[in-house]
Amino acid sequence: MVGFVTVFTRSTQVIMGTVLALVLGVGCGGGRADFIGGRAKDTCDAEWPVCSQVAGCILGQESYMEGRLPGKGQFIVQLKEASTVKVRFYLEDVVAAGEETVVTFHEEGCRSRTRETVSGRAALDSAEKLGEFNREADLTGVGDHLVEFESDMQARYVLKVEVASLRNR
């Protein structure tokens, strides 16, 4: 009986220590909090005209949006010079990978577009390994650029954009 109590006590201590480490790790940020950083959430409930359409928000280096998939969304990125625009997705509560996720980057005035497609499995694999998946495109026009995305994945997402000048490459 003494041996059982000693083993039980040690096992309990190990389990409690593991639980405490997990709780402290979550409390200190990480994951979603690190992904968002100091950005402010945009509810994307405005009406900004772009490309004969209306987008709900303008995202930049200081903001992010969130939502649920499957579904689609759109936003505007404003550029002052030719730039690489990277759309980054942080995924949570993934239920199914789906077949495909598409991100479409439009030049100003929608004069041309770049369509980036990723399989559901590849997007999920990237999110599991790197904590996110992303797609990017080089846009040369100055002004408002419509960015659209669509996915049949079943998950919640946090989305942010990063913009880097093509001059600095």
N, C-alpha and C. Protein backbone atom coordinates (compact mmCIF):
# COMPACT_ATOMS: atom_id res chain seq x y z
N MET A 1 0.82 -1.19 0.00
CA MET A 1 0.00 0.00 0.00
C MET A 1 0.86 1.25 0.00
N VAL A 2 1.96 1.25 0.76
CA VAL A 2 2.85 2.41 0.81
C VAL A 2 3.43 2.66 -0.57
N GLY A 3 3.84 1.61 -1.28
CA GLY A 3 4.38 1.77 -2.62
C GLY A 3 3.38 2.40 -3.57
N PHE A 4 2.11 1.99 -3.46
CA PHE A 4 1.06 2.55 -4.29
C PHE A 4 0.87 4.04 -4.00
N VAL A 5 0.85 4.40 -2.73
CA VAL A 5 0.67 5.80 -2.34
C VAL A 5 1.83 6.64 -2.85
N THR A 6 3.05 6.14 -2.76
CA THR A 6 4.22 6.87 -3.24
C THR A 6 4.15 7.06 -4.75
N VAL A 7 3.81 6.01 -5.48
CA VAL A 7 3.70 6.11 -6.94
C VAL A 7 2.57 7.06 -7.31
N PHE A 8 1.42 6.92 -6.63
CA PHE A 8 0.29 7.78 -6.91
C PHE A 8 0.65 9.25 -6.64
N THR A 9 1.33 9.51 -5.56
CA THR A 9 1.71 10.88 -5.21
C THR A 9 2.68 11.45 -6.24
N ARG A 10 3.66 10.66 -6.65
CA ARG A 10 4.62 11.13 -7.66
C ARG A 10 3.92 11.37 -8.99
N SER A 11 3.03 10.45 -9.39
CA SER A 11 2.29 10.63 -10.63
C SER A 11 1.43 11.88 -10.57
N THR A 12 0.78 12.08 -9.44
CA THR A 12 -0.05 13.27 -9.27
C THR A 12 0.79 14.53 -9.37
N GLN A 13 1.98 14.51 -8.76
CA GLN A 13 2.86 15.67 -8.83
C GLN A 13 3.29 15.96 -10.26
N VAL A 14 3.61 14.92 -11.00
CA VAL A 14 4.02 15.09 -12.39
C VAL A 14 2.87 15.68 -13.21
N ILE A 15 1.68 15.12 -13.02
CA ILE A 15 0.51 15.61 -13.75
C ILE A 15 0.23 17.06 -13.39
N MET A 16 0.23 17.37 -12.11
CA MET A 16 -0.05 18.75 -11.67
C MET A 16 1.02 19.71 -12.20
N GLY A 17 2.27 19.27 -12.20
CA GLY A 17 3.34 20.12 -12.74
C GLY A 17 3.15 20.39 -14.22
N THR A 18 2.74 19.36 -14.97
CA THR A 18 2.48 19.52 -16.40
C THR A 18 1.32 20.47 -16.64
N VAL A 19 0.24 20.29 -15.88
CA VAL A 19 -0.92 21.18 -16.02
C VAL A 19 -0.53 22.61 -15.69
N LEU A 20 0.23 22.81 -14.63
CA LEU A 20 0.67 24.15 -14.25
C LEU A 20 1.52 24.78 -15.34
N ALA A 21 2.43 24.01 -15.92
CA ALA A 21 3.27 24.53 -17.00
C ALA A 21 2.43 24.94 -18.20
N LEU A 22 1.42 24.13 -18.53
CA LEU A 22 0.55 24.48 -19.65
C LEU A 22 -0.25 25.75 -19.36
N VAL A 23 -0.78 25.86 -18.16
CA VAL A 23 -1.55 27.04 -17.80
C VAL A 23 -0.68 28.28 -17.82
N LEU A 24 0.51 28.20 -17.27
CA LEU A 24 1.41 29.35 -17.28
C LEU A 24 1.83 29.70 -18.69
N GLY A 25 2.05 28.70 -19.53
CA GLY A 25 2.42 28.96 -20.92
C GLY A 25 1.33 29.69 -21.67
N VAL A 26 0.09 29.30 -21.45
CA VAL A 26 -1.02 29.97 -22.11
C VAL A 26 -1.18 31.37 -21.54
N GLY A 27 -1.00 31.53 -20.27
CA GLY A 27 -1.16 32.83 -19.63
C GLY A 27 -0.14 33.85 -20.09
N CYS A 28 0.99 33.40 -20.56
CA CYS A 28 2.06 34.30 -20.97
C CYS A 28 1.98 34.67 -22.44
N GLY A 29 0.88 34.36 -23.08
CA GLY A 29 0.74 34.68 -24.49
C GLY A 29 1.08 33.47 -25.33
N GLY A 30 1.65 33.69 -26.49
CA GLY A 30 1.96 32.60 -27.39
C GLY A 30 0.83 32.40 -28.37
N GLY A 31 1.11 31.71 -29.45
CA GLY A 31 0.07 31.40 -30.41
C GLY A 31 -0.65 32.63 -30.94
N ARG A 32 -1.92 32.68 -30.66
CA ARG A 32 -2.79 33.76 -31.15
C ARG A 32 -2.29 35.13 -30.71
N ALA A 33 -1.97 35.27 -29.44
CA ALA A 33 -1.52 36.58 -28.92
C ALA A 33 -0.24 37.03 -29.62
N ASP A 34 0.68 36.13 -29.83
CA ASP A 34 1.92 36.48 -30.54
C ASP A 34 1.63 36.84 -31.99
N PHE A 35 0.72 36.11 -32.61
CA PHE A 35 0.36 36.37 -34.01
C PHE A 35 -0.22 37.77 -34.15
N ILE A 36 -1.13 38.13 -33.26
CA ILE A 36 -1.79 39.44 -33.31
C ILE A 36 -0.84 40.56 -32.93
N GLY A 37 -0.01 40.33 -31.92
CA GLY A 37 0.91 41.38 -31.47
C GLY A 37 0.14 42.59 -30.97
N GLY A 38 0.56 43.78 -31.35
CA GLY A 38 -0.08 45.01 -30.90
C GLY A 38 -1.15 45.52 -31.84
N ARG A 39 -1.60 44.70 -32.76
CA ARG A 39 -2.60 45.13 -33.75
C ARG A 39 -3.98 45.27 -33.12
N ALA A 40 -4.80 46.11 -33.73
CA ALA A 40 -6.19 46.31 -33.29
C ALA A 40 -7.13 45.52 -34.20
N LYS A 41 -8.16 44.94 -33.61
CA LYS A 41 -9.14 44.20 -34.38
C LYS A 41 -10.03 45.16 -35.17
N ASP A 42 -10.20 44.86 -36.45
CA ASP A 42 -11.14 45.60 -37.29
C ASP A 42 -12.36 44.71 -37.48
N THR A 43 -13.52 45.20 -37.14
CA THR A 43 -14.75 44.40 -37.26
C THR A 43 -15.21 44.28 -38.71
N CYS A 44 -14.61 45.04 -39.59
CA CYS A 44 -14.89 44.96 -41.03
C CYS A 44 -16.37 45.14 -41.35
N ASP A 45 -16.99 46.09 -40.67
CA ASP A 45 -18.40 46.35 -40.91
C ASP A 45 -18.64 47.72 -41.57
N ALA A 46 -17.60 48.28 -42.16
CA ALA A 46 -17.73 49.55 -42.87
C ALA A 46 -18.09 49.28 -44.33
N GLU A 47 -18.15 50.33 -45.12
CA GLU A 47 -18.44 50.18 -46.55
C GLU A 47 -17.47 51.05 -47.34
N TRP A 48 -16.39 50.44 -47.78
CA TRP A 48 -15.35 51.13 -48.55
C TRP A 48 -15.48 50.73 -50.01
N PRO A 49 -15.69 51.68 -50.91
CA PRO A 49 -15.81 51.34 -52.33
C PRO A 49 -14.46 50.96 -52.93
N VAL A 50 -14.46 49.89 -53.70
CA VAL A 50 -13.25 49.44 -54.39
C VAL A 50 -13.68 48.52 -55.53
N CYS A 51 -13.15 48.75 -56.71
CA CYS A 51 -13.38 47.86 -57.86
C CYS A 51 -14.87 47.61 -58.11
N SER A 52 -15.67 48.64 -58.10
CA SER A 52 -17.12 48.52 -58.32
C SER A 52 -17.80 47.61 -57.31
N GLN A 53 -17.19 47.48 -56.14
CA GLN A 53 -17.74 46.67 -55.05
C GLN A 53 -17.61 47.47 -53.76
N VAL A 54 -17.95 46.83 -52.67
CA VAL A 54 -17.78 47.43 -51.35
C VAL A 54 -17.07 46.43 -50.46
N ALA A 55 -15.98 46.86 -49.83
CA ALA A 55 -15.25 46.02 -48.88
C ALA A 55 -15.52 46.53 -47.47
N GLY A 56 -15.49 45.64 -46.52
CA GLY A 56 -15.83 46.00 -45.14
C GLY A 56 -14.72 46.66 -44.35
N CYS A 57 -13.46 46.52 -44.79
CA CYS A 57 -12.39 47.12 -44.00
C CYS A 57 -11.14 47.37 -44.84
N ILE A 58 -10.28 48.18 -44.28
CA ILE A 58 -8.96 48.43 -44.83
C ILE A 58 -7.97 47.88 -43.81
N LEU A 59 -7.19 46.88 -44.21
CA LEU A 59 -6.22 46.29 -43.30
C LEU A 59 -4.83 46.81 -43.61
N GLY A 60 -4.07 47.01 -42.57
CA GLY A 60 -2.69 47.45 -42.70
C GLY A 60 -1.84 46.81 -41.63
N GLN A 61 -0.67 47.37 -41.42
CA GLN A 61 0.29 46.82 -40.48
C GLN A 61 -0.19 46.89 -39.03
N GLU A 62 -1.23 47.68 -38.77
CA GLU A 62 -1.68 47.89 -37.40
C GLU A 62 -3.02 47.24 -37.08
N SER A 63 -3.58 46.43 -38.00
CA SER A 63 -4.90 45.86 -37.77
C SER A 63 -4.97 44.41 -38.20
N TYR A 64 -6.04 43.75 -37.75
CA TYR A 64 -6.31 42.37 -38.15
C TYR A 64 -7.82 42.15 -38.18
N MET A 65 -8.22 41.05 -38.78
CA MET A 65 -9.64 40.67 -38.80
C MET A 65 -9.74 39.21 -38.41
N GLU A 66 -10.93 38.80 -38.02
CA GLU A 66 -11.13 37.40 -37.69
C GLU A 66 -12.51 36.96 -38.16
N GLY A 67 -12.67 35.65 -38.27
CA GLY A 67 -13.94 35.12 -38.72
C GLY A 67 -13.95 33.61 -38.72
N ARG A 68 -14.93 33.05 -39.42
CA ARG A 68 -15.10 31.60 -39.52
C ARG A 68 -15.07 31.16 -40.97
N LEU A 69 -14.54 29.99 -41.17
CA LEU A 69 -14.58 29.32 -42.45
C LEU A 69 -15.42 28.06 -42.28
N PRO A 70 -16.11 27.55 -43.26
CA PRO A 70 -16.01 27.94 -44.66
C PRO A 70 -16.65 29.30 -44.89
N GLY A 71 -16.20 29.92 -45.93
CA GLY A 71 -16.74 31.21 -46.29
C GLY A 71 -15.77 31.99 -47.13
N LYS A 72 -16.10 33.26 -47.29
CA LYS A 72 -15.23 34.14 -48.06
C LYS A 72 -15.22 35.51 -47.41
N GLY A 73 -14.22 36.28 -47.78
CA GLY A 73 -14.10 37.63 -47.25
C GLY A 73 -13.31 38.50 -48.19
N GLN A 74 -13.30 39.78 -47.89
CA GLN A 74 -12.53 40.72 -48.71
C GLN A 74 -12.17 41.92 -47.86
N PHE A 75 -11.11 42.56 -48.26
CA PHE A 75 -10.65 43.76 -47.58
C PHE A 75 -9.79 44.55 -48.56
N ILE A 76 -9.43 45.74 -48.15
CA ILE A 76 -8.59 46.62 -48.96
C ILE A 76 -7.22 46.74 -48.31
N VAL A 77 -6.20 46.78 -49.15
CA VAL A 77 -4.84 47.12 -48.70
C VAL A 77 -4.45 48.36 -49.50
N GLN A 78 -3.99 49.38 -48.80
CA GLN A 78 -3.57 50.62 -49.46
C GLN A 78 -2.06 50.63 -49.61
N LEU A 79 -1.60 50.88 -50.85
CA LEU A 79 -0.16 50.89 -51.12
C LEU A 79 0.28 52.26 -51.61
N LYS A 80 1.43 52.69 -51.11
CA LYS A 80 2.03 53.96 -51.54
C LYS A 80 3.08 53.75 -52.61
N GLU A 81 3.47 52.49 -52.79
CA GLU A 81 4.47 52.13 -53.80
C GLU A 81 4.34 50.64 -54.12
N ALA A 82 5.01 50.20 -55.15
CA ALA A 82 5.00 48.79 -55.51
C ALA A 82 5.48 47.98 -54.31
N SER A 83 4.72 46.93 -53.97
CA SER A 83 5.00 46.19 -52.74
C SER A 83 4.61 44.72 -52.85
N THR A 84 5.20 43.93 -51.97
CA THR A 84 4.75 42.56 -51.76
C THR A 84 3.73 42.61 -50.64
N VAL A 85 2.55 42.06 -50.90
CA VAL A 85 1.49 41.98 -49.89
C VAL A 85 1.37 40.52 -49.48
N LYS A 86 1.56 40.26 -48.20
CA LYS A 86 1.45 38.90 -47.66
C LYS A 86 0.22 38.83 -46.76
N VAL A 87 -0.67 37.89 -47.06
CA VAL A 87 -1.84 37.64 -46.24
C VAL A 87 -1.53 36.42 -45.37
N ARG A 88 -1.62 36.60 -44.06
CA ARG A 88 -1.27 35.55 -43.10
C ARG A 88 -2.50 35.12 -42.31
N PHE A 89 -2.72 33.81 -42.24
CA PHE A 89 -3.86 33.22 -41.53
C PHE A 89 -3.37 32.43 -40.33
N TYR A 90 -3.94 32.70 -39.17
CA TYR A 90 -3.74 31.89 -37.97
C TYR A 90 -5.04 31.13 -37.77
N LEU A 91 -4.97 29.81 -37.67
CA LEU A 91 -6.17 28.97 -37.59
C LEU A 91 -6.39 28.44 -36.19
N GLU A 92 -7.68 28.36 -35.81
CA GLU A 92 -8.08 27.80 -34.52
C GLU A 92 -9.29 26.91 -34.73
N ASP A 93 -9.48 25.97 -33.82
CA ASP A 93 -10.66 25.11 -33.82
C ASP A 93 -10.93 24.51 -35.19
N VAL A 94 -9.90 23.94 -35.79
CA VAL A 94 -10.03 23.34 -37.12
C VAL A 94 -10.81 22.03 -37.01
N VAL A 95 -11.86 21.92 -37.80
CA VAL A 95 -12.68 20.71 -37.84
C VAL A 95 -12.37 19.89 -39.09
N ALA A 96 -12.17 20.57 -40.22
CA ALA A 96 -11.87 19.89 -41.48
C ALA A 96 -11.00 20.78 -42.36
N ALA A 97 -10.06 20.15 -43.08
CA ALA A 97 -9.13 20.90 -43.94
C ALA A 97 -9.79 21.46 -45.19
N GLY A 98 -10.84 20.82 -45.66
CA GLY A 98 -11.46 21.27 -46.90
C GLY A 98 -10.61 20.92 -48.11
N GLU A 99 -11.08 21.35 -49.26
CA GLU A 99 -10.40 21.04 -50.51
C GLU A 99 -9.42 22.13 -50.94
N GLU A 100 -9.83 23.41 -50.75
CA GLU A 100 -9.03 24.48 -51.34
C GLU A 100 -9.27 25.82 -50.63
N THR A 101 -8.20 26.59 -50.53
CA THR A 101 -8.29 27.98 -50.08
C THR A 101 -7.66 28.83 -51.17
N VAL A 102 -8.36 29.92 -51.53
CA VAL A 102 -7.90 30.80 -52.60
C VAL A 102 -7.80 32.23 -52.05
N VAL A 103 -6.68 32.88 -52.36
CA VAL A 103 -6.51 34.30 -52.05
C VAL A 103 -6.26 35.00 -53.38
N THR A 104 -7.07 36.02 -53.66
CA THR A 104 -6.94 36.76 -54.91
C THR A 104 -6.54 38.20 -54.60
N PHE A 105 -5.42 38.61 -55.18
CA PHE A 105 -4.89 39.96 -55.01
C PHE A 105 -5.18 40.74 -56.29
N HIS A 106 -5.82 41.89 -56.15
CA HIS A 106 -6.15 42.71 -57.32
C HIS A 106 -5.24 43.95 -57.35
N GLU A 107 -4.82 44.32 -58.54
CA GLU A 107 -4.14 45.60 -58.70
C GLU A 107 -5.17 46.70 -58.50
N GLU A 108 -4.71 47.94 -58.32
CA GLU A 108 -5.65 49.05 -58.12
C GLU A 108 -6.59 49.12 -59.33
N GLY A 109 -7.86 49.44 -59.05
CA GLY A 109 -8.85 49.49 -60.11
C GLY A 109 -9.21 48.13 -60.68
N CYS A 110 -8.69 47.09 -60.11
CA CYS A 110 -8.93 45.70 -60.55
C CYS A 110 -8.53 45.50 -62.01
N ARG A 111 -7.46 46.18 -62.44
CA ARG A 111 -6.99 46.07 -63.82
C ARG A 111 -6.35 44.71 -64.10
N SER A 112 -5.90 44.02 -63.05
CA SER A 112 -5.38 42.66 -63.17
C SER A 112 -5.42 42.02 -61.79
N ARG A 113 -5.16 40.70 -61.77
CA ARG A 113 -5.21 40.01 -60.49
C ARG A 113 -4.21 38.87 -60.45
N THR A 114 -3.87 38.49 -59.23
CA THR A 114 -3.03 37.33 -58.99
C THR A 114 -3.82 36.41 -58.07
N ARG A 115 -4.02 35.18 -58.53
CA ARG A 115 -4.80 34.22 -57.77
C ARG A 115 -3.86 33.17 -57.18
N GLU A 116 -3.84 33.07 -55.86
CA GLU A 116 -2.99 32.10 -55.16
C GLU A 116 -3.88 31.03 -54.55
N THR A 117 -3.65 29.79 -54.93
CA THR A 117 -4.47 28.67 -54.47
C THR A 117 -3.62 27.70 -53.66
N VAL A 118 -4.21 27.17 -52.60
CA VAL A 118 -3.52 26.16 -51.79
C VAL A 118 -4.55 25.09 -51.42
N SER A 119 -4.11 23.83 -51.45
CA SER A 119 -5.02 22.75 -51.06
C SER A 119 -5.31 22.86 -49.57
N GLY A 120 -6.46 22.36 -49.17
CA GLY A 120 -6.82 22.39 -47.75
C GLY A 120 -5.80 21.69 -46.89
N ARG A 121 -5.32 20.56 -47.34
CA ARG A 121 -4.34 19.79 -46.56
C ARG A 121 -3.02 20.55 -46.43
N ALA A 122 -2.56 21.19 -47.52
CA ALA A 122 -1.31 21.94 -47.47
C ALA A 122 -1.43 23.15 -46.54
N ALA A 123 -2.58 23.83 -46.58
CA ALA A 123 -2.79 24.97 -45.69
C ALA A 123 -2.77 24.53 -44.24
N LEU A 124 -3.44 23.43 -43.95
CA LEU A 124 -3.48 22.93 -42.58
C LEU A 124 -2.12 22.43 -42.12
N ASP A 125 -1.39 21.74 -43.00
CA ASP A 125 -0.04 21.28 -42.66
C ASP A 125 0.86 22.47 -42.31
N SER A 126 0.79 23.52 -43.12
CA SER A 126 1.59 24.73 -42.85
C SER A 126 1.20 25.35 -41.52
N ALA A 127 -0.10 25.43 -41.25
CA ALA A 127 -0.57 26.02 -39.99
C ALA A 127 -0.11 25.19 -38.80
N GLU A 128 -0.10 23.88 -38.95
CA GLU A 128 0.33 23.01 -37.85
C GLU A 128 1.83 23.11 -37.61
N LYS A 129 2.62 23.21 -38.68
CA LYS A 129 4.08 23.26 -38.55
C LYS A 129 4.59 24.65 -38.19
N LEU A 130 4.02 25.68 -38.81
CA LEU A 130 4.54 27.04 -38.65
C LEU A 130 3.66 27.94 -37.79
N GLY A 131 2.48 27.45 -37.43
CA GLY A 131 1.55 28.26 -36.65
C GLY A 131 0.67 29.14 -37.52
N GLU A 132 0.84 29.08 -38.82
CA GLU A 132 0.06 29.89 -39.75
C GLU A 132 0.25 29.37 -41.16
N PHE A 133 -0.59 29.84 -42.08
CA PHE A 133 -0.28 29.67 -43.50
C PHE A 133 -0.49 31.02 -44.15
N ASN A 134 0.21 31.24 -45.26
CA ASN A 134 0.13 32.55 -45.90
C ASN A 134 0.22 32.42 -47.41
N ARG A 135 -0.19 33.49 -48.05
CA ARG A 135 -0.05 33.64 -49.49
C ARG A 135 0.34 35.08 -49.75
N GLU A 136 1.11 35.31 -50.81
CA GLU A 136 1.58 36.67 -51.11
C GLU A 136 1.61 36.91 -52.60
N ALA A 137 1.64 38.20 -52.92
CA ALA A 137 1.73 38.61 -54.33
C ALA A 137 2.41 39.96 -54.39
N ASP A 138 3.12 40.19 -55.50
CA ASP A 138 3.73 41.50 -55.76
C ASP A 138 2.70 42.35 -56.50
N LEU A 139 2.40 43.52 -55.93
CA LEU A 139 1.45 44.46 -56.55
C LEU A 139 2.20 45.73 -56.89
N THR A 140 2.02 46.22 -58.12
CA THR A 140 2.83 47.34 -58.59
C THR A 140 2.12 48.68 -58.54
N GLY A 141 0.80 48.67 -58.52
CA GLY A 141 0.05 49.92 -58.54
C GLY A 141 0.02 50.62 -57.20
N VAL A 142 -0.23 51.92 -57.25
CA VAL A 142 -0.35 52.73 -56.04
C VAL A 142 -1.84 52.99 -55.81
N GLY A 143 -2.27 52.84 -54.55
CA GLY A 143 -3.67 53.10 -54.22
C GLY A 143 -4.31 51.92 -53.52
N ASP A 144 -5.63 51.81 -53.69
CA ASP A 144 -6.42 50.78 -53.02
C ASP A 144 -6.42 49.48 -53.82
N HIS A 145 -6.10 48.39 -53.12
CA HIS A 145 -6.05 47.07 -53.73
C HIS A 145 -7.04 46.16 -53.02
N LEU A 146 -7.95 45.56 -53.76
CA LEU A 146 -8.89 44.60 -53.21
C LEU A 146 -8.18 43.26 -53.05
N VAL A 147 -8.36 42.65 -51.88
CA VAL A 147 -7.87 41.30 -51.63
C VAL A 147 -9.08 40.48 -51.20
N GLU A 148 -9.27 39.34 -51.87
CA GLU A 148 -10.39 38.46 -51.57
C GLU A 148 -9.86 37.08 -51.19
N PHE A 149 -10.59 36.39 -50.33
CA PHE A 149 -10.23 35.02 -50.00
C PHE A 149 -11.50 34.18 -49.88
N GLU A 150 -11.33 32.88 -50.15
CA GLU A 150 -12.44 31.94 -50.05
C GLU A 150 -11.88 30.58 -49.69
N SER A 151 -12.57 29.88 -48.78
CA SER A 151 -12.10 28.57 -48.35
C SER A 151 -13.27 27.70 -47.92
N ASP A 152 -13.14 26.40 -48.15
CA ASP A 152 -14.12 25.46 -47.64
C ASP A 152 -13.62 24.74 -46.38
N MET A 153 -12.49 25.21 -45.86
CA MET A 153 -11.97 24.69 -44.59
C MET A 153 -12.99 25.01 -43.49
N GLN A 154 -13.06 24.17 -42.48
CA GLN A 154 -13.92 24.44 -41.33
C GLN A 154 -13.03 24.79 -40.15
N ALA A 155 -12.99 26.10 -39.82
CA ALA A 155 -12.11 26.59 -38.75
C ALA A 155 -12.44 28.04 -38.44
N ARG A 156 -11.89 28.54 -37.35
CA ARG A 156 -11.89 29.97 -37.08
C ARG A 156 -10.53 30.49 -37.53
N TYR A 157 -10.47 31.73 -37.96
CA TYR A 157 -9.20 32.30 -38.41
C TYR A 157 -9.00 33.71 -37.85
N VAL A 158 -7.74 34.07 -37.76
CA VAL A 158 -7.30 35.44 -37.55
C VAL A 158 -6.45 35.76 -38.77
N LEU A 159 -6.68 36.91 -39.39
CA LEU A 159 -5.99 37.27 -40.62
C LEU A 159 -5.33 38.63 -40.45
N LYS A 160 -4.10 38.72 -40.92
CA LYS A 160 -3.41 40.00 -40.94
C LYS A 160 -2.62 40.10 -42.23
N VAL A 161 -2.21 41.32 -42.57
CA VAL A 161 -1.40 41.52 -43.77
C VAL A 161 -0.08 42.17 -43.40
N GLU A 162 0.91 41.88 -44.21
CA GLU A 162 2.21 42.55 -44.11
C GLU A 162 2.55 43.09 -45.47
N VAL A 163 3.10 44.28 -45.49
CA VAL A 163 3.44 44.94 -46.74
C VAL A 163 4.93 45.27 -46.71
N ALA A 164 5.63 44.90 -47.79
CA ALA A 164 7.06 45.19 -47.90
C ALA A 164 7.33 45.79 -49.27
N SER A 165 8.02 46.90 -49.29
CA SER A 165 8.34 47.59 -50.54
C SER A 165 9.16 46.70 -51.46
N LEU A 166 8.85 46.74 -52.74
CA LEU A 166 9.65 45.99 -53.72
C LEU A 166 11.00 46.66 -53.96
N ARG A 167 11.13 47.93 -53.58
CA ARG A 167 12.41 48.64 -53.74
C ARG A 167 13.49 48.05 -52.84
N ASN A 168 13.09 47.53 -51.70
CA ASN A 168 14.07 47.04 -50.71
C ASN A 168 14.48 45.61 -50.92
N ARG A 169 14.16 45.05 -52.04
CA ARG A 169 14.51 43.63 -52.28
C ARG A 169 15.89 43.49 -52.80
